[in-house]
Every structure is written in structure tokens, then in C-alpha cells.
Amino acid sequence: MALALRGLAVDTNAMLRRILPLLALLSCKPSQPSQAPHSPTSGTGPVYEVTVTKKGFEPARIEVPPEREVLLRFTRKVADTCADSVVVQGDPVKHMLPLDKPVDVRLTSPKTGEVRFACGMEMYRGAVVVSGG
């Protein structure tokens, strides 16, 4: 199909074959990791290391002071486990846990009680438990 444009003949099919791949390329965004490991910034509460092993989350119980910012740093050390992700109570994000790469999850501890966390299938569980005051 040709289109006459002020005296110029334009092959629209050829133009589309050249423009469409370019448009598709420009519309693609580079993929970003869903959870990039990061270091705590100043003013952040303590960092609690949680390792995923064949036994599950270690430690499975983390005692923290009430109403404080807490950073949980999850590192999966085993390939064959259902704990390739973690879901933290009150956090709508399911955090993927790549092998041997730390993933930080921030939360504020409640005044009393606990904040539970578990693998995606809830076979392995743990909790951040408020203690002291």
C-alpha cells in the first residue's frame, strides 16, 4: 500500500515494518530486581540476621524492644527448600529470597505481641517477639 504525501510516495507497509520493532523496543523498560539488597541507613534500628537452612528460618524467634524500627536480613543458604520467599505479617509484599543474597525487610515492632513471618507455603515459620520495654 502506498500513500502519496505532497508529491512523495510512501510505502506504508515498509514503514510499519521498520517503525513497529522500534516502538516495541522503546516501550520496554529494563527489568529491576524485585528486592535489591541494601544496607541500613543511619537512624535505622538494629539488623537481625535470619538464615534459611534445611531446618527453616534460623533463628525462628527474634526478641525486639517494643515500637522500634527493625530490619530483618534474610539470607537463603540452601537451594532445595520451600522457603524461597518470605511473607511478613502486615506486609502485602511476598519477598523472594534468592540463594546466597541478603534481602532486607523493614518493620516496626508492635507495642506488645509479635509479628509472624513464614515461607510462601507456611511450612517454615518464625516471629519477631516484643520483649522488655
Protein backbone atom coordinates (compact mmCIF):
# COMPACT_ATOMS: atom_id res chain seq x y z
CA MET A 1 0.00 0.00 0.00
CA ALA A 2 1.44 3.36 -0.99
CA LEU A 3 0.50 6.76 0.31
CA ALA A 4 1.12 9.98 -1.59
CA LEU A 5 2.28 12.71 0.71
CA ARG A 6 2.74 16.07 -1.03
CA GLY A 7 4.36 14.53 -4.02
CA LEU A 8 6.26 11.82 -2.09
CA ALA A 9 5.28 8.20 -2.46
CA VAL A 10 5.48 6.38 0.88
CA ASP A 11 5.26 2.61 1.23
CA THR A 12 3.26 2.30 4.46
CA ASN A 13 3.92 -1.44 4.84
CA ALA A 14 7.68 -0.88 4.67
CA MET A 15 7.37 1.99 7.12
CA LEU A 16 5.38 -0.13 9.57
CA ARG A 17 7.92 -2.95 9.33
CA ARG A 18 10.63 -0.50 10.39
CA ILE A 19 8.72 1.51 12.99
CA LEU A 20 6.91 -1.25 14.92
CA PRO A 21 10.07 -3.03 16.16
CA LEU A 22 11.50 0.34 17.18
CA LEU A 23 8.33 1.21 19.11
CA ALA A 24 8.35 -2.19 20.79
CA LEU A 25 11.98 -1.71 21.81
CA LEU A 26 11.36 1.78 23.17
CA SER A 27 8.34 0.66 25.19
CA CYS A 28 10.35 -1.99 27.05
CA LYS A 29 11.81 -1.00 30.38
CA PRO A 30 14.88 -2.68 31.80
CA SER A 31 13.85 -5.18 34.43
CA GLN A 32 14.61 -4.26 38.02
CA PRO A 33 15.12 -6.83 40.78
CA SER A 34 12.03 -7.03 42.98
CA GLN A 35 14.07 -6.70 46.12
CA ALA A 36 17.58 -5.36 45.90
CA PRO A 37 19.70 -5.90 48.96
CA HIS A 38 20.56 -2.65 50.66
CA SER A 39 22.45 -1.50 53.68
CA PRO A 40 20.61 0.13 56.53
CA THR A 41 20.76 3.90 56.53
CA SER A 42 21.63 5.95 59.56
CA GLY A 43 18.80 6.08 62.06
CA THR A 44 17.67 2.57 61.22
CA GLY A 45 17.13 0.16 64.07
CA PRO A 46 19.19 -2.95 64.65
CA VAL A 47 19.74 -5.53 61.93
CA TYR A 48 18.63 -9.09 62.75
CA GLU A 49 20.16 -11.76 60.53
CA VAL A 50 17.82 -14.64 59.64
CA THR A 51 19.26 -17.55 57.70
CA VAL A 52 17.20 -20.04 55.70
CA THR A 53 18.64 -23.53 56.22
CA LYS A 54 17.36 -27.09 55.88
CA LYS A 55 15.74 -26.55 59.30
CA GLY A 56 13.88 -23.43 58.14
CA PHE A 57 14.36 -19.92 59.50
CA GLU A 58 17.24 -19.60 61.98
CA PRO A 59 16.63 -18.09 64.41
CA ALA A 60 12.90 -18.64 64.29
CA ARG A 61 12.31 -16.34 67.28
CA ILE A 62 13.74 -12.83 67.41
CA GLU A 63 13.23 -10.75 70.53
CA VAL A 64 12.99 -6.98 70.00
CA PRO A 65 12.05 -3.92 72.05
CA PRO A 66 8.53 -2.51 71.57
CA GLU A 67 7.67 0.12 68.96
CA ARG A 68 11.07 0.22 67.26
CA GLU A 69 12.14 0.08 63.64
CA VAL A 70 13.64 -3.33 62.94
CA LEU A 71 15.47 -4.61 59.89
CA LEU A 72 15.29 -8.34 59.19
CA ARG A 73 18.00 -9.51 56.80
CA PHE A 74 17.02 -12.88 55.27
CA THR A 75 19.68 -14.96 53.51
CA ARG A 76 18.77 -18.31 51.95
CA LYS A 77 21.67 -20.77 52.19
CA VAL A 78 20.04 -23.90 50.73
CA ALA A 79 18.70 -24.47 47.23
CA ASP A 80 16.17 -27.21 47.98
CA THR A 81 13.62 -25.56 50.27
CA CYS A 82 10.12 -24.21 50.05
CA ALA A 83 11.43 -21.13 51.87
CA ASP A 84 12.48 -19.40 48.66
CA SER A 85 10.28 -16.49 49.73
CA VAL A 86 9.10 -14.92 52.96
CA VAL A 87 5.79 -13.30 53.87
CA VAL A 88 5.81 -10.98 56.89
CA GLN A 89 2.57 -10.36 58.77
CA GLY A 90 1.14 -6.96 57.83
CA ASP A 91 3.37 -6.60 54.76
CA PRO A 92 1.49 -7.12 51.48
CA VAL A 93 4.73 -7.98 49.63
CA LYS A 94 5.94 -11.55 49.21
CA HIS A 95 9.73 -11.15 49.36
CA MET A 96 11.63 -13.55 47.09
CA LEU A 97 14.80 -14.98 48.65
CA PRO A 98 17.45 -15.66 46.01
CA LEU A 99 20.15 -18.12 47.00
CA ASP A 100 23.04 -16.54 48.97
CA LYS A 101 21.79 -12.97 48.52
CA PRO A 102 20.57 -10.98 51.54
CA VAL A 103 17.10 -9.47 51.35
CA ASP A 104 16.18 -6.74 53.83
CA VAL A 105 12.68 -6.37 55.23
CA ARG A 106 11.89 -3.37 57.44
CA LEU A 107 9.14 -3.32 60.01
CA THR A 108 8.14 -1.54 63.19
CA SER A 109 7.68 -3.80 66.18
CA PRO A 110 4.28 -3.55 67.88
CA LYS A 111 3.78 -2.29 71.44
CA THR A 112 3.15 -5.87 72.58
CA GLY A 113 2.86 -9.29 70.99
CA GLU A 114 4.60 -10.48 67.87
CA VAL A 115 4.92 -10.16 64.10
CA ARG A 116 4.92 -13.52 62.34
CA PHE A 117 6.78 -14.46 59.18
CA ALA A 118 6.64 -17.62 57.10
CA CYS A 119 7.67 -19.16 53.81
CA GLY A 120 5.16 -18.91 50.98
CA MET A 121 3.69 -22.33 51.83
CA GLU A 122 3.72 -21.62 55.61
CA MET A 123 5.73 -24.78 56.28
CA TYR A 124 8.56 -22.81 57.94
CA ARG A 125 7.61 -20.07 60.39
CA GLY A 126 9.18 -17.55 62.68
CA ALA A 127 8.27 -14.48 64.72
CA VAL A 128 9.57 -11.15 65.88
CA VAL A 129 8.53 -11.13 69.53
CA VAL A 130 8.32 -7.98 71.65
CA SER A 131 10.15 -8.34 74.93
CA GLY A 132 11.06 -5.90 77.69
CA GLY A 133 10.11 -2.31 77.42
